[in-house]
PDB file of N, CA and C in Angstrom:
ATOM      1  N   MET A   1      70.767  75.737 104.246  1.00  0.00           N
ATOM      2  CA  MET A   1      71.936  76.019 105.020  1.00  0.00           C
ATOM      3  C   MET A   1      72.944  75.063 105.183  1.00  0.00           C
ATOM      4  N   ALA A   2      74.459  75.333 105.240  1.00  0.00           N
ATOM      5  CA  ALA A   2      75.187  75.018 104.589  1.00  0.00           C
ATOM      6  C   ALA A   2      76.716  75.624 106.129  1.00  0.00           C
ATOM      7  N   ARG A   3      77.015  74.515 106.302  1.00  0.00           N
ATOM      8  CA  ARG A   3      78.599  74.361 106.938  1.00  0.00           C
ATOM      9  C   ARG A   3      79.542  74.718 106.630  1.00  0.00           C
ATOM     10  N   ILE A   4      80.082  75.764 105.957  1.00  0.00           N
ATOM     11  CA  ILE A   4      81.343  75.172 105.732  1.00  0.00           C
ATOM     12  C   ILE A   4      82.822  74.785 106.547  1.00  0.00           C
ATOM     13  N   GLU A   5      83.105  73.958 105.515  1.00  0.00           N
ATOM     14  CA  GLU A   5      84.004  73.160 106.228  1.00  0.00           C
ATOM     15  C   GLU A   5      85.474  73.996 106.123  1.00  0.00           C
ATOM     16  N   LYS A   6      86.446  73.864 104.854  1.00  0.00           N
ATOM     17  CA  LYS A   6      87.243  74.637 104.212  1.00  0.00           C
ATOM     18  C   LYS A   6      87.065  75.673 103.878  1.00  0.00           C
ATOM     19  N   LEU A   7      87.417  76.765 103.881  1.00  0.00           N
ATOM     20  CA  LEU A   7      87.865  78.366 102.731  1.00  0.00           C
ATOM     21  C   LEU A   7      89.215  78.019 102.344  1.00  0.00           C
ATOM     22  N   GLU A   8      89.244  78.468 100.444  1.00  0.00           N
ATOM     23  CA  GLU A   8      90.340  78.673 100.122  1.00  0.00           C
ATOM     24  C   GLU A   8      90.192  80.089  99.222  1.00  0.00           C
ATOM     25  N   ILE A   9      91.366  80.557  99.381  1.00  0.00           N
ATOM     26  CA  ILE A   9      91.258  81.462  98.247  1.00  0.00           C
ATOM     27  C   ILE A   9      91.579  81.340  96.799  1.00  0.00           C
ATOM     28  N   GLY A  10      90.422  81.832  96.084  1.00  0.00           N
ATOM     29  CA  GLY A  10      90.076  81.918  94.903  1.00  0.00           C
ATOM     30  C   GLY A  10      90.883  83.852  93.817  1.00  0.00           C
ATOM     31  N   PRO A  11      90.908  82.998  92.874  1.00  0.00           N
ATOM     32  CA  PRO A  11      92.244  84.731  92.181  1.00  0.00           C
ATOM     33  C   PRO A  11      90.847  85.903  92.279  1.00  0.00           C
ATOM     34  N   SER A  12      91.707  86.480  91.846  1.00  0.00           N
ATOM     35  CA  SER A  12      91.326  88.144  92.262  1.00  0.00           C
ATOM     36  C   SER A  12      90.882  89.103  91.054  1.00  0.00           C
ATOM     37  N   GLU A  13      90.061  88.171  91.129  1.00  0.00           N
ATOM     38  CA  GLU A  13      88.593  89.109  89.985  1.00  0.00           C
ATOM     39  C   GLU A  13      86.842  88.275  89.904  1.00  0.00           C
ATOM     40  N   GLY A  14      86.912  89.359  89.735  1.00  0.00           N
ATOM     41  CA  GLY A  14      84.802  89.254  90.375  1.00  0.00           C
ATOM     42  C   GLY A  14      84.685  90.574  90.318  1.00  0.00           C
ATOM     43  N   SER A  15      83.553  91.613  90.660  1.00  0.00           N
ATOM     44  CA  SER A  15      82.987  92.482  90.308  1.00  0.00           C
ATOM     45  C   SER A  15      81.353  92.655  91.421  1.00  0.00           C
ATOM     46  N   VAL A  16      81.546  93.838  91.738  1.00  0.00           N
ATOM     47  CA  VAL A  16      80.458  93.580  93.007  1.00  0.00           C
ATOM     48  C   VAL A  16      79.179  93.363  92.381  1.00  0.00           C
ATOM     49  N   HIS A  17      78.500  92.986  93.063  1.00  0.00           N
ATOM     50  CA  HIS A  17      76.843  93.045  92.910  1.00  0.00           C
ATOM     51  C   HIS A  17      76.242  93.610  93.090  1.00  0.00           C
ATOM     52  N   PRO A  18      75.559  93.502  92.645  1.00  0.00           N
ATOM     53  CA  PRO A  18      74.595  95.009  92.292  1.00  0.00           C
ATOM     54  C   PRO A  18      73.169  95.117  93.069  1.00  0.00           C
ATOM     55  N   SER A  19      72.868  93.857  93.621  1.00  0.00           N
ATOM     56  CA  SER A  19      71.772  93.129  95.481  1.00  0.00           C
ATOM     57  C   SER A  19      72.235  93.854  96.091  1.00  0.00           C
ATOM     58  N   LYS A  20      71.388  94.708  96.789  1.00  0.00           N
ATOM     59  CA  LYS A  20      72.202  94.498  98.667  1.00  0.00           C
ATOM     60  C   LYS A  20      70.917  94.173  99.008  1.00  0.00           C
ATOM     61  N   VAL A  21      71.765  93.384 100.533  1.00  0.00           N
ATOM     62  CA  VAL A  21      71.040  92.348 101.471  1.00  0.00           C
ATOM     63  C   VAL A  21      70.608  92.634 102.919  1.00  0.00           C
ATOM     64  N   HIS A  22      70.092  92.597 103.790  1.00  0.00           N
ATOM     65  CA  HIS A  22      70.872  92.528 105.088  1.00  0.00           C
ATOM     66  C   HIS A  22      70.764  91.436 105.755  1.00  0.00           C
ATOM     67  N   ALA A  23      71.488  91.167 106.447  1.00  0.00           N
ATOM     68  CA  ALA A  23      71.811  90.371 107.126  1.00  0.00           C
ATOM     69  C   ALA A  23      71.834  89.443 108.700  1.00  0.00           C
ATOM     70  N   ARG A  24      72.070  89.133 109.960  1.00  0.00           N
ATOM     71  CA  ARG A  24      71.660  88.443 110.892  1.00  0.00           C
ATOM     72  C   ARG A  24      73.220  87.738 110.895  1.00  0.00           C
ATOM     73  N   VAL A  25      73.742  88.118 112.021  1.00  0.00           N
ATOM     74  CA  VAL A  25      74.768  87.551 112.796  1.00  0.00           C
ATOM     75  C   VAL A  25      74.163  87.229 114.434  1.00  0.00           C
ATOM     76  N   LYS A  26      75.022  85.413 114.295  1.00  0.00           N
ATOM     77  CA  LYS A  26      74.248  85.159 115.545  1.00  0.00           C
ATOM     78  C   LYS A  26      75.110  83.960 115.712  1.00  0.00           C
ATOM     79  N   VAL A  27      75.627  83.792 117.109  1.00  0.00           N
ATOM     80  CA  VAL A  27      77.111  82.911 117.820  1.00  0.00           C
ATOM     81  C   VAL A  27      75.849  81.712 118.868  1.00  0.00           C
ATOM     82  N   PHE A  28      76.459  80.894 118.779  1.00  0.00           N
ATOM     83  CA  PHE A  28      76.124  80.025 119.575  1.00  0.00           C
ATOM     84  C   PHE A  28      76.586  79.031 119.067  1.00  0.00           C
ATOM     85  N   GLY A  29      76.544  78.096 120.190  1.00  0.00           N
ATOM     86  CA  GLY A  29      76.526  76.372 120.588  1.00  0.00           C
ATOM     87  C   GLY A  29      78.373  76.966 121.454  1.00  0.00           C
ATOM     88  N   ASP A  30      79.166  75.745 122.349  1.00  0.00           N
ATOM     89  CA  ASP A  30      80.417  75.386 122.413  1.00  0.00           C
ATOM     90  C   ASP A  30      80.863  74.137 122.666  1.00  0.00           C
ATOM     91  N   GLY A  31      80.467  73.124 121.105  1.00  0.00           N
ATOM     92  CA  GLY A  31      80.525  71.755 121.313  1.00  0.00           C
ATOM     93  C   GLY A  31      82.453  71.624 120.901  1.00  0.00           C
ATOM     94  N   PRO A  32      82.789  70.683 120.188  1.00  0.00           N
ATOM     95  CA  PRO A  32      84.798  70.269 119.899  1.00  0.00           C
ATOM     96  C   PRO A  32      84.661  70.507 119.129  1.00  0.00           C
ATOM     97  N   ASP A  33      83.888  71.537 117.933  1.00  0.00           N
ATOM     98  CA  ASP A  33      83.802  72.439 116.897  1.00  0.00           C
ATOM     99  C   ASP A  33      84.490  74.131 117.534  1.00  0.00           C
ATOM    100  N   GLY A  34      83.997  73.841 117.918  1.00  0.00           N
ATOM    101  CA  GLY A  34      84.149  75.739 119.139  1.00  0.00           C
ATOM    102  C   GLY A  34      83.181  76.461 118.698  1.00  0.00           C
ATOM    103  N   PRO A  35      82.526  78.549 119.248  1.00  0.00           N
ATOM    104  CA  PRO A  35      80.881  77.998 118.658  1.00  0.00           C
ATOM    105  C   PRO A  35      81.161  78.102 117.870  1.00  0.00           C
ATOM    106  N   ILE A  36      79.748  78.107 117.129  1.00  0.00           N
ATOM    107  CA  ILE A  36      79.168  78.075 115.935  1.00  0.00           C
ATOM    108  C   ILE A  36      78.712  79.706 115.473  1.00  0.00           C
ATOM    109  N   VAL A  37      79.482  80.187 114.240  1.00  0.00           N
ATOM    110  CA  VAL A  37      79.335  81.631 114.411  1.00  0.00           C
ATOM    111  C   VAL A  37      78.203  81.562 112.465  1.00  0.00           C
ATOM    112  N   GLN A  38      76.298  82.075 112.517  1.00  0.00           N
ATOM    113  CA  GLN A  38      75.812  82.343 111.242  1.00  0.00           C
ATOM    114  C   GLN A  38      74.917  83.087 111.132  1.00  0.00           C
ATOM    115  N   ILE A  39      75.199  83.192 109.858  1.00  0.00           N
ATOM    116  CA  ILE A  39      75.009  84.821 108.993  1.00  0.00           C
ATOM    117  C   ILE A  39      73.909  84.076 107.715  1.00  0.00           C
ATOM    118  N   ASP A  40      72.693  85.190 108.476  1.00  0.00           N
ATOM    119  CA  ASP A  40      71.648  84.882 107.794  1.00  0.00           C
ATOM    120  C   ASP A  40      71.511  85.691 106.767  1.00  0.00           C
ATOM    121  N   THR A  41      70.900  85.569 105.457  1.00  0.00           N
ATOM    122  CA  THR A  41      71.264  86.725 104.665  1.00  0.00           C
ATOM    123  C   THR A  41      69.014  86.721 103.572  1.00  0.00           C
ATOM    124  N   PHE A  42      69.081  87.761 103.628  1.00  0.00           N
ATOM    125  CA  PHE A  42      67.318  88.322 103.653  1.00  0.00           C
ATOM    126  C   PHE A  42      66.808  88.432 101.880  1.00  0.00           C
ATOM    127  N   GLY A  43      65.879  88.191 101.845  1.00  0.00           N
ATOM    128  CA  GLY A  43      65.949  88.241 100.231  1.00  0.00           C
ATOM    129  C   GLY A  43      66.226  89.957 100.075  1.00  0.00           C
ATOM    130  N   SER A  44      66.934  90.497  98.470  1.00  0.00           N
ATOM    131  CA  SER A  44      66.286  92.199  98.052  1.00  0.00           C
ATOM    132  C   SER A  44      65.405  92.389  98.209  1.00  0.00           C
ATOM    133  N   ALA A  45      65.200  93.913  97.846  1.00  0.00           N
ATOM    134  CA  ALA A  45      63.721  94.579  97.727  1.00  0.00           C
ATOM    135  C   ALA A  45      63.412  93.656  96.963  1.00  0.00           C
ATOM    136  N   GLY A  46      63.856  93.311  95.496  1.00  0.00           N
ATOM    137  CA  GLY A  46      63.344  92.657  94.370  1.00  0.00           C
ATOM    138  C   GLY A  46      62.832  91.704  94.214  1.00  0.00           C
ATOM    139  N   ARG A  47      63.224  90.862  95.027  1.00  0.00           N
ATOM    140  CA  ARG A  47      63.138  89.791  95.180  1.00  0.00           C
ATOM    141  C   ARG A  47      61.708  89.244  95.223  1.00  0.00           C
ATOM    142  N   GLU A  48      61.183  88.129  95.020  1.00  0.00           N
ATOM    143  CA  GLU A  48      59.888  87.791  95.084  1.00  0.00           C
ATOM    144  C   GLU A  48      59.024  88.503  96.262  1.00  0.00           C
ATOM    145  N   ILE A  49      59.851  87.445  97.423  1.00  0.00           N
ATOM    146  CA  ILE A  49      59.320  87.965  98.763  1.00  0.00           C
ATOM    147  C   ILE A  49      60.404  88.245  99.914  1.00  0.00           C
ATOM    148  N   PRO A  50      60.609  89.491  99.738  1.00  0.00           N
ATOM    149  CA  PRO A  50      61.605  91.147 100.067  1.00  0.00           C
ATOM    150  C   PRO A  50      61.865  90.386 101.343  1.00  0.00           C
ATOM    151  N   GLY A  51      62.967  90.472 102.226  1.00  0.00           N
ATOM    152  CA  GLY A  51      62.997  90.639 103.159  1.00  0.00           C
ATOM    153  C   GLY A  51      62.863  88.592 104.168  1.00  0.00           C
ATOM    154  N   LYS A  52      62.608  87.330 102.978  1.00  0.00           N
ATOM    155  CA  LYS A  52      62.169  86.522 104.151  1.00  0.00           C
ATOM    156  C   LYS A  52      63.715  85.577 103.633  1.00  0.00           C
ATOM    157  N   LEU A  53      63.923  84.890 104.551  1.00  0.00           N
ATOM    158  CA  LEU A  53      65.629  84.209 105.004  1.00  0.00           C
ATOM    159  C   LEU A  53      65.812  83.650 103.562  1.00  0.00           C
ATOM    160  N   SER A  54      66.735  83.716 103.149  1.00  0.00           N
ATOM    161  CA  SER A  54      67.277  83.673 101.555  1.00  0.00           C
ATOM    162  C   SER A  54      68.921  82.638 101.758  1.00  0.00           C
ATOM    163  N   GLN A  55      69.604  82.792 102.866  1.00  0.00           N
ATOM    164  CA  GLN A  55      70.780  81.562 103.214  1.00  0.00           C
ATOM    165  C   GLN A  55      71.215  81.717 104.137  1.00  0.00           C
ATOM    166  N   THR A  56      71.786  80.433 104.603  1.00  0.00           N
ATOM    167  CA  THR A  56      72.632  80.553 105.852  1.00  0.00           C
ATOM    168  C   THR A  56      73.788  80.161 105.899  1.00  0.00           C
ATOM    169  N   ILE A  57      74.435  80.776 106.006  1.00  0.00           N
ATOM    170  CA  ILE A  57      75.842  79.526 106.105  1.00  0.00           C
ATOM    171  C   ILE A  57      76.380  79.687 107.854  1.00  0.00           C
ATOM    172  N   GLN A  58      77.315  78.475 107.841  1.00  0.00           N
ATOM    173  CA  GLN A  58      77.771  78.852 109.225  1.00  0.00           C
ATOM    174  C   GLN A  58      79.113  78.221 109.056  1.00  0.00           C
ATOM    175  N   LEU A  59      80.142  78.746 110.510  1.00  0.00           N
ATOM    176  CA  LEU A  59      81.601  78.510 110.447  1.00  0.00           C
ATOM    177  C   LEU A  59      81.314  78.066 111.645  1.00  0.00           C
ATOM    178  N   ASN A  60      82.524  76.605 111.888  1.00  0.00           N
ATOM    179  CA  ASN A  60      82.934  76.799 112.850  1.00  0.00           C
ATOM    180  C   ASN A  60      84.052  77.785 113.442  1.00  0.00           C
ATOM    181  N   LYS A  61      84.852  76.908 114.791  1.00  0.00           N
ATOM    182  CA  LYS A  61      86.500  78.062 115.091  1.00  0.00           C
ATOM    183  C   LYS A  61      87.295  78.053 113.471  1.00  0.00           C
ATOM    184  N   THR A  62      87.230  76.881 113.086  1.00  0.00           N
ATOM    185  CA  THR A  62      88.339  76.003 112.133  1.00  0.00           C
ATOM    186  C   THR A  62      88.106  78.264 111.422  1.00  0.00           C
ATOM    187  N   THR A  63      87.225  77.587 110.277  1.00  0.00           N
ATOM    188  CA  THR A  63      86.453  78.371 109.067  1.00  0.00           C
ATOM    189  C   THR A  63      86.669  79.717 109.644  1.00  0.00           C
ATOM    190  N   GLY A  64      86.185  80.116 111.032  1.00  0.00           N
ATOM    191  CA  GLY A  64      85.465  81.790 111.568  1.00  0.00           C
ATOM    192  C   GLY A  64      87.503  81.684 110.806  1.00  0.00           C
ATOM    193  N   GLN A  65      88.646  81.381 111.687  1.00  0.00           N
ATOM    194  CA  GLN A  65      89.705  81.994 112.565  1.00  0.00           C
ATOM    195  C   GLN A  65      90.922  82.054 111.210  1.00  0.00           C
ATOM    196  N   GLU A  66      89.973  80.887 109.871  1.00  0.00           N
ATOM    197  CA  GLU A  66      90.356  80.957 107.833  1.00  0.00           C
ATOM    198  C   GLU A  66      89.356  82.881 107.696  1.00  0.00           C
ATOM    199  N   LEU A  67      88.641  82.678 107.617  1.00  0.00           N
ATOM    200  CA  LEU A  67      87.893  83.716 107.104  1.00  0.00           C
ATOM    201  C   LEU A  67      88.345  85.556 108.189  1.00  0.00           C
ATOM    202  N   LEU A  68      88.452  84.879 109.041  1.00  0.00           N
ATOM    203  CA  LEU A  68      89.564  86.246 110.093  1.00  0.00           C
ATOM    204  C   LEU A  68      90.816  86.576 109.446  1.00  0.00           C
ATOM    205  N   ALA A  69      91.028  85.247 109.167  1.00  0.00           N
ATOM    206  CA  ALA A  69      92.815  85.812 108.295  1.00  0.00           C
ATOM    207  C   ALA A  69      92.864  86.122 107.428  1.00  0.00           C
ATOM    208  N   ILE A  70      91.744  85.613 106.237  1.00  0.00           N
ATOM    209  CA  ILE A  70      91.155  86.576 105.464  1.00  0.00           C
ATOM    210  C   ILE A  70      90.575  87.666 105.336  1.00  0.00           C
ATOM    211  N   LEU A  71      89.970  87.794 105.894  1.00  0.00           N
ATOM    212  CA  LEU A  71      89.566  89.786 105.817  1.00  0.00           C
ATOM    213  C   LEU A  71      90.563  90.190 106.712  1.00  0.00           C
ATOM    214  N   GLN A  72      91.013  89.930 107.872  1.00  0.00           N
ATOM    215  CA  GLN A  72      92.661  90.834 108.461  1.00  0.00           C
ATOM    216  C   GLN A  72      93.757  91.157 107.020  1.00  0.00           C
ATOM    217  N   ARG A  73      94.374  89.991 105.457  1.00  0.00           N
ATOM    218  CA  ARG A  73      94.898  90.478 104.541  1.00  0.00           C
ATOM    219  C   ARG A  73      94.300  91.617 104.028  1.00  0.00           C
ATOM    220  N   ALA A  74      93.047  91.987 103.604  1.00  0.00           N
ATOM    221  CA  ALA A  74      91.777  92.290 102.989  1.00  0.00           C
ATOM    222  C   ALA A  74      92.074  93.322 103.824  1.00  0.00           C
ATOM    223  N   TYR A  75      91.837  93.584 104.719  1.00  0.00           N
ATOM    224  CA  TYR A  75      91.317  94.897 105.785  1.00  0.00           C
ATOM    225  C   TYR A  75      92.558  96.126 106.035  1.00  0.00           C
ATOM    226  N   GLY A  76      93.487  95.257 106.908  1.00  0.00           N
ATOM    227  CA  GLY A  76      94.392  95.304 107.028  1.00  0.00           C
ATOM    228  C   GLY A  76      94.343  95.541 108.719  1.00  0.00           C
TER     229      GLY A  76
END
């Protein structure tokens, strides 16, 4: 699990990853960092244990707003 402290925009290069997974989003807490948005991803069908919790990231109010601005620029 990791709580993202800062987002930076990298170069506009990359490729679409072949694995597709399911994710669950949770919103909780109301401390000084604002609500926490947590995204859990689960192992793809090709993993040793498909569907097992794989990765978790958390965003606080600041990093959530940064991500929202990036998504708005990308998708309008």
